[in-house]
Structures are given as structure tokens and as C-alpha cells.
C-alpha atoms as a PDB file:
ATOM      1  CA  UNK A   1     110.302 112.067 106.956  1.00  0.00           C
ATOM      2  CA  UNK A   2     111.218 110.206 110.106  1.00  0.00           C
ATOM      3  CA  UNK A   3     114.738 109.273 111.161  1.00  0.00           C
ATOM      4  CA  UNK A   4     114.234 105.588 110.354  1.00  0.00           C
ATOM      5  CA  UNK A   5     113.346 106.335 106.710  1.00  0.00           C
ATOM      6  CA  UNK A   6     116.272 108.722 106.346  1.00  0.00           C
ATOM      7  CA  UNK A   7     118.625 105.997 107.599  1.00  0.00           C
ATOM      8  CA  UNK A   8     116.955 103.356 105.415  1.00  0.00           C
ATOM      9  CA  UNK A   9     117.206 105.516 102.285  1.00  0.00           C
ATOM     10  CA  UNK A  10     120.882 106.273 102.992  1.00  0.00           C
ATOM     11  CA  UNK A  11     121.738 102.573 103.409  1.00  0.00           C
ATOM     12  CA  UNK A  12     119.769 101.623 100.271  1.00  0.00           C
ATOM     13  CA  UNK A  13     121.613 104.319  98.272  1.00  0.00           C
ATOM     14  CA  UNK A  14     124.943 102.796  99.299  1.00  0.00           C
ATOM     15  CA  UNK A  15     123.791  99.247  98.490  1.00  0.00           C
ATOM     16  CA  UNK A  16     122.356 100.383  95.140  1.00  0.00           C
ATOM     17  CA  UNK A  17     125.567 102.182  94.176  1.00  0.00           C
ATOM     18  CA  UNK A  18     127.519  99.003  94.941  1.00  0.00           C
ATOM     19  CA  UNK A  19     125.058  96.819  92.994  1.00  0.00           C
ATOM     20  CA  UNK A  20     124.970  99.106  89.956  1.00  0.00           C
ATOM     21  CA  UNK A  21     128.752  98.999  89.666  1.00  0.00           C
ATOM     22  CA  UNK A  22     129.340  95.339  90.499  1.00  0.00           C
ATOM     23  CA  UNK A  23     126.301  93.365  89.339  1.00  0.00           C
ATOM     24  CA  UNK A  24     127.126  91.879  85.934  1.00  0.00           C
ATOM     25  CA  UNK A  25     124.064  91.496  83.715  1.00  0.00           C
ATOM     26  CA  UNK A  26     124.106  91.247  79.930  1.00  0.00           C
ATOM     27  CA  UNK A  27     122.293  94.336  78.703  1.00  0.00           C
ATOM     28  CA  UNK A  28     121.373  94.961  75.089  1.00  0.00           C
ATOM     29  CA  UNK A  29     118.778  96.661  72.972  1.00  0.00           C
ATOM     30  CA  UNK A  30     116.299  94.160  71.595  1.00  0.00           C
ATOM     31  CA  UNK A  31     114.263  96.798  69.771  1.00  0.00           C
ATOM     32  CA  UNK A  32     110.787  97.804  70.879  1.00  0.00           C
ATOM     33  CA  UNK A  33     109.152  95.852  68.031  1.00  0.00           C
ATOM     34  CA  UNK A  34     110.886  92.659  69.173  1.00  0.00           C
ATOM     35  CA  UNK A  35     110.321  93.272  72.889  1.00  0.00           C
ATOM     36  CA  UNK A  36     107.879  90.943  74.603  1.00  0.00           C
ATOM     37  CA  UNK A  37     107.986  91.895  78.289  1.00  0.00           C
ATOM     38  CA  UNK A  38     108.080  95.451  79.569  1.00  0.00           C
ATOM     39  CA  UNK A  39     108.239  96.677  83.145  1.00  0.00           C
ATOM     40  CA  UNK A  40     106.942 100.069  84.260  1.00  0.00           C
ATOM     41  CA  UNK A  41     108.086 101.425  87.610  1.00  0.00           C
ATOM     42  CA  UNK A  42     106.966 104.744  89.084  1.00  0.00           C
ATOM     43  CA  UNK A  43     106.004 106.537  92.267  1.00  0.00           C
ATOM     44  CA  UNK A  44     102.490 107.766  92.888  1.00  0.00           C
ATOM     45  CA  UNK A  45     102.559 111.501  93.589  1.00  0.00           C
ATOM     46  CA  UNK A  46      99.161 112.732  92.475  1.00  0.00           C
ATOM     47  CA  UNK A  47      96.202 111.553  90.362  1.00  0.00           C
ATOM     48  CA  UNK A  48      97.284 113.537  87.287  1.00  0.00           C
ATOM     49  CA  UNK A  49     100.719 111.884  87.255  1.00  0.00           C
ATOM     50  CA  UNK A  50      99.075 108.500  87.707  1.00  0.00           C
ATOM     51  CA  UNK A  51      96.827 109.200  84.704  1.00  0.00           C
ATOM     52  CA  UNK A  52      99.856 110.199  82.581  1.00  0.00           C
ATOM     53  CA  UNK A  53     101.558 106.930  83.471  1.00  0.00           C
ATOM     54  CA  UNK A  54      98.356 104.998  82.693  1.00  0.00           C
ATOM     55  CA  UNK A  55      98.269 106.663  79.256  1.00  0.00           C
ATOM     56  CA  UNK A  56     101.882 105.559  78.694  1.00  0.00           C
ATOM     57  CA  UNK A  57     100.925 101.999  79.714  1.00  0.00           C
ATOM     58  CA  UNK A  58      97.954 102.025  77.318  1.00  0.00           C
ATOM     59  CA  UNK A  59     100.326 103.100  74.518  1.00  0.00           C
ATOM     60  CA  UNK A  60     102.604 100.157  75.317  1.00  0.00           C
ATOM     61  CA  UNK A  61      99.688  97.733  75.479  1.00  0.00           C
ATOM     62  CA  UNK A  62      98.531  98.949  72.058  1.00  0.00           C
ATOM     63  CA  UNK A  63     101.874  97.634  70.770  1.00  0.00           C
ATOM     64  CA  UNK A  64     100.776  94.182  72.007  1.00  0.00           C
ATOM     65  CA  UNK A  65     103.347  93.884  74.794  1.00  0.00           C
ATOM     66  CA  UNK A  66     103.123  92.069  78.118  1.00  0.00           C
ATOM     67  CA  UNK A  67     103.310  94.816  80.744  1.00  0.00           C
ATOM     68  CA  UNK A  68     104.165  94.492  84.439  1.00  0.00           C
ATOM     69  CA  UNK A  69     103.567  97.564  86.585  1.00  0.00           C
ATOM     70  CA  UNK A  70     104.829  98.507  90.018  1.00  0.00           C
ATOM     71  CA  UNK A  71     103.894 101.739  91.785  1.00  0.00           C
ATOM     72  CA  UNK A  72     105.555 103.047  94.950  1.00  0.00           C
ATOM     73  CA  UNK A  73     103.215 104.828  97.365  1.00  0.00           C
ATOM     74  CA  UNK A  74     103.723 106.520 100.714  1.00  0.00           C
ATOM     75  CA  UNK A  75     101.188 106.947 103.524  1.00  0.00           C
ATOM     76  CA  UNK A  76     100.947 110.673 102.725  1.00  0.00           C
ATOM     77  CA  UNK A  77      99.912 110.004  99.110  1.00  0.00           C
ATOM     78  CA  UNK A  78      96.235 110.679  98.617  1.00  0.00           C
ATOM     79  CA  UNK A  79      95.552 107.828  96.229  1.00  0.00           C
ATOM     80  CA  UNK A  80      92.291 108.367  94.386  1.00  0.00           C
ATOM     81  CA  UNK A  81      89.843 105.570  95.186  1.00  0.00           C
ATOM     82  CA  UNK A  82      89.253 104.842  91.481  1.00  0.00           C
ATOM     83  CA  UNK A  83      92.970 104.454  90.715  1.00  0.00           C
ATOM     84  CA  UNK A  84      92.895 100.635  90.830  1.00  0.00           C
ATOM     85  CA  UNK A  85      96.382 100.453  92.300  1.00  0.00           C
ATOM     86  CA  UNK A  86      96.533  96.669  92.451  1.00  0.00           C
ATOM     87  CA  UNK A  87     100.263  96.873  91.831  1.00  0.00           C
ATOM     88  CA  UNK A  88     101.350  99.299  94.563  1.00  0.00           C
ATOM     89  CA  UNK A  89     103.793  98.856  97.417  1.00  0.00           C
ATOM     90  CA  UNK A  90     105.269 100.937 100.239  1.00  0.00           C
ATOM     91  CA  UNK A  91     108.740 101.350 101.717  1.00  0.00           C
ATOM     92  CA  UNK A  92     108.195  98.332 103.989  1.00  0.00           C
ATOM     93  CA  UNK A  93     108.429  96.044 100.924  1.00  0.00           C
ATOM     94  CA  UNK A  94     112.229  96.324 101.111  1.00  0.00           C
ATOM     95  CA  UNK A  95     114.150  96.203 104.381  1.00  0.00           C
ATOM     96  CA  UNK A  96     116.838  98.674 105.378  1.00  0.00           C
ATOM     97  CA  UNK A  97     119.537  96.305 104.138  1.00  0.00           C
ATOM     98  CA  UNK A  98     117.835  95.387 100.859  1.00  0.00           C
ATOM     99  CA  UNK A  99     115.911  92.230 101.737  1.00  0.00           C
ATOM    100  CA  UNK A 100     112.750  92.111  99.634  1.00  0.00           C
ATOM    101  CA  UNK A 101     109.765  91.477 101.927  1.00  0.00           C
ATOM    102  CA  UNK A 102     107.009  91.614  99.289  1.00  0.00           C
ATOM    103  CA  UNK A 103     106.260  88.753  96.880  1.00  0.00           C
ATOM    104  CA  UNK A 104     104.928  91.276  94.367  1.00  0.00           C
ATOM    105  CA  UNK A 105     108.181  93.289  94.404  1.00  0.00           C
ATOM    106  CA  UNK A 106     110.299  90.115  94.345  1.00  0.00           C
ATOM    107  CA  UNK A 107     108.421  88.851  91.277  1.00  0.00           C
ATOM    108  CA  UNK A 108     108.949  92.232  89.551  1.00  0.00           C
ATOM    109  CA  UNK A 109     112.687  92.210  90.357  1.00  0.00           C
ATOM    110  CA  UNK A 110     113.062  88.624  89.137  1.00  0.00           C
ATOM    111  CA  UNK A 111     111.316  89.247  85.801  1.00  0.00           C
ATOM    112  CA  UNK A 112     113.899  89.629  82.994  1.00  0.00           C
ATOM    113  CA  UNK A 113     112.178  92.447  81.095  1.00  0.00           C
ATOM    114  CA  UNK A 114     113.184  93.424  77.593  1.00  0.00           C
ATOM    115  CA  UNK A 115     112.635  97.035  78.706  1.00  0.00           C
ATOM    116  CA  UNK A 116     112.225  98.534  82.160  1.00  0.00           C
ATOM    117  CA  UNK A 117     110.842 102.086  82.162  1.00  0.00           C
ATOM    118  CA  UNK A 118     111.225 104.212  85.281  1.00  0.00           C
ATOM    119  CA  UNK A 119     108.797 107.115  84.940  1.00  0.00           C
ATOM    120  CA  UNK A 120     109.890 109.550  87.623  1.00  0.00           C
ATOM    121  CA  UNK A 121     111.744 112.825  87.528  1.00  0.00           C
ATOM    122  CA  UNK A 122     113.254 112.473  91.000  1.00  0.00           C
ATOM    123  CA  UNK A 123     115.425 109.792  92.492  1.00  0.00           C
ATOM    124  CA  UNK A 124     114.041 107.408  95.090  1.00  0.00           C
ATOM    125  CA  UNK A 125     116.399 104.961  96.848  1.00  0.00           C
ATOM    126  CA  UNK A 126     113.789 102.203  96.976  1.00  0.00           C
ATOM    127  CA  UNK A 127     113.015 102.423  93.252  1.00  0.00           C
ATOM    128  CA  UNK A 128     116.704 102.751  92.388  1.00  0.00           C
ATOM    129  CA  UNK A 129     117.359  99.554  94.345  1.00  0.00           C
ATOM    130  CA  UNK A 130     114.681  97.724  92.338  1.00  0.00           C
ATOM    131  CA  UNK A 131     116.162  99.031  89.072  1.00  0.00           C
ATOM    132  CA  UNK A 132     119.677  97.945  90.073  1.00  0.00           C
ATOM    133  CA  UNK A 133     118.503  94.439  91.057  1.00  0.00           C
ATOM    134  CA  UNK A 134     116.403  93.845  87.929  1.00  0.00           C
ATOM    135  CA  UNK A 135     117.989  92.001  85.000  1.00  0.00           C
ATOM    136  CA  UNK A 136     116.183  94.000  82.298  1.00  0.00           C
ATOM    137  CA  UNK A 137     117.937  94.026  78.951  1.00  0.00           C
ATOM    138  CA  UNK A 138     117.442  97.786  78.615  1.00  0.00           C
ATOM    139  CA  UNK A 139     116.574 100.167  81.464  1.00  0.00           C
ATOM    140  CA  UNK A 140     115.161 103.566  80.526  1.00  0.00           C
ATOM    141  CA  UNK A 141     114.901 106.529  82.889  1.00  0.00           C
ATOM    142  CA  UNK A 142     115.115 110.280  83.360  1.00  0.00           C
ATOM    143  CA  UNK A 143     118.564 111.803  82.872  1.00  0.00           C
ATOM    144  CA  UNK A 144     120.511 112.235  86.100  1.00  0.00           C
ATOM    145  CA  UNK A 145     124.306 112.117  85.915  1.00  0.00           C
ATOM    146  CA  UNK A 146     124.523 110.573  89.387  1.00  0.00           C
ATOM    147  CA  UNK A 147     122.423 107.584  88.227  1.00  0.00           C
ATOM    148  CA  UNK A 148     124.211 106.768  84.955  1.00  0.00           C
ATOM    149  CA  UNK A 149     125.030 103.222  86.140  1.00  0.00           C
ATOM    150  CA  UNK A 150     121.315 102.458  86.553  1.00  0.00           C
ATOM    151  CA  UNK A 151     120.149 103.069  82.983  1.00  0.00           C
ATOM    152  CA  UNK A 152     121.203 102.136  79.474  1.00  0.00           C
ATOM    153  CA  UNK A 153     119.008 104.922  78.056  1.00  0.00           C
ATOM    154  CA  UNK A 154     118.462 108.242  79.810  1.00  0.00           C
ATOM    155  CA  UNK A 155     116.029 110.854  78.535  1.00  0.00           C
ATOM    156  CA  UNK A 156     116.567 114.523  79.299  1.00  0.00           C
ATOM    157  CA  UNK A 157     113.663 116.947  79.120  1.00  0.00           C
ATOM    158  CA  UNK A 158     113.284 120.663  79.678  1.00  0.00           C
ATOM    159  CA  UNK A 159     111.387 121.085  82.917  1.00  0.00           C
ATOM    160  CA  UNK A 160     108.288 123.250  83.270  1.00  0.00           C
ATOM    161  CA  UNK A 161     105.550 121.913  85.546  1.00  0.00           C
ATOM    162  CA  UNK A 162     105.778 118.449  87.136  1.00  0.00           C
ATOM    163  CA  UNK A 163     102.726 117.004  85.384  1.00  0.00           C
ATOM    164  CA  UNK A 164     103.778 118.303  81.957  1.00  0.00           C
ATOM    165  CA  UNK A 165     107.294 117.027  82.601  1.00  0.00           C
ATOM    166  CA  UNK A 166     106.024 113.500  83.313  1.00  0.00           C
ATOM    167  CA  UNK A 167     103.907 113.561  80.142  1.00  0.00           C
ATOM    168  CA  UNK A 168     106.870 114.768  78.092  1.00  0.00           C
ATOM    169  CA  UNK A 169     109.200 112.219  79.724  1.00  0.00           C
ATOM    170  CA  UNK A 170     106.920 109.278  78.929  1.00  0.00           C
ATOM    171  CA  UNK A 171     106.373 110.463  75.341  1.00  0.00           C
ATOM    172  CA  UNK A 172     110.130 110.898  74.805  1.00  0.00           C
ATOM    173  CA  UNK A 173     110.892 107.493  76.344  1.00  0.00           C
ATOM    174  CA  UNK A 174     108.532 105.802  73.926  1.00  0.00           C
ATOM    175  CA  UNK A 175     109.843 107.852  70.996  1.00  0.00           C
ATOM    176  CA  UNK A 176     113.522 107.057  71.638  1.00  0.00           C
ATOM    177  CA  UNK A 177     112.966 103.364  72.287  1.00  0.00           C
ATOM    178  CA  UNK A 178     111.025 103.115  69.012  1.00  0.00           C
ATOM    179  CA  UNK A 179     113.970 104.795  67.248  1.00  0.00           C
ATOM    180  CA  UNK A 180     116.434 102.248  68.645  1.00  0.00           C
ATOM    181  CA  UNK A 181     115.350  99.363  66.413  1.00  0.00           C
ATOM    182  CA  UNK A 182     118.407  97.444  65.280  1.00  0.00           C
END
């Protein structure tokens, strides 16, 4: 990773921490049955992870929900040509100081989702910034004590292999949000 990205990620972490503590948004559980709009945010790491996320998205669509998807990619990612990543963006979509440069990312941030699912096991300052800025009613992500201000629901899984972990994470996210009906 080059020096510019290291600096950018550090600045975005600081901005995100400030936003997550000071941005006042009414958050509440609407129940998955009642939810209309759902956002899915993840980073592309390999084709098998992408397929696991696509399976999760198909499960949500089978519940007759309106789904918006955003996938973070880096130049080193070897995106499979059949992946149909019409909803991908790179680090240049957000400036070092948090200005959103991409209309696609801005639209995603401005959408008031009923649920926002972040399907990643590792933290990413760019994705964390998007999560902090979004006004989703309920944000769901992987358990990480340092990111407790970013999510209303955090799912902890026992880790084995990265691809199995992502599958298990997405299954558990869906399970727990279905259990949260009010």
C-alpha cells in the first residue's frame, strides 16, 4: 500500500470515529418482514467471497425487498469478468477528507435503508466511513469491539477459513435480523 493510501485511511478513520460518535440519527429495528429497503456493502476479495455475497443478496431478494449493493474494489483485486460488478467503486470515490466524489456512492450514502448489511470480516476505513454517514435504521456488521459505534447489531462468528467465515457471517446476519421482529 502506498503512502498516500496509508495517510488517507488514517484520516478517514479519524473522521469516521468523530462521525460515529457525534452524528445523531434515529436508529430502530423495523423488523425484517416490515423492511422495504436494504443496503449491502462489502469489499471484493476473491470470486468465492463475491459468490457468497451474491447468495446472501438472492436470499434477501426472495423476501421481496428492494436491494442496493455497493462493492469496494482495489486495483489488485482480480475481478472475474463474469462478476457483473455494476455497483463497484474504488478508493478514489471518497477523498482523503471525506468528500464523496462518486454519484453512485453518494446515492448509496443518502439512501435511508431499513437495514444496512456490511459483509466483511475486516475493517476498511472507506467502508466504515460510508456506514457512519448512512442514515440506515439498523446497521448490521461483523463483531469488532473497536467499531461498536458503527453498528446496532454485531454478529460474532468462530473463524476458520475466510470463505467459510463469510458464508457463516451472512447466514447469521440473516438469521438474527429475522429473529428481531417486534
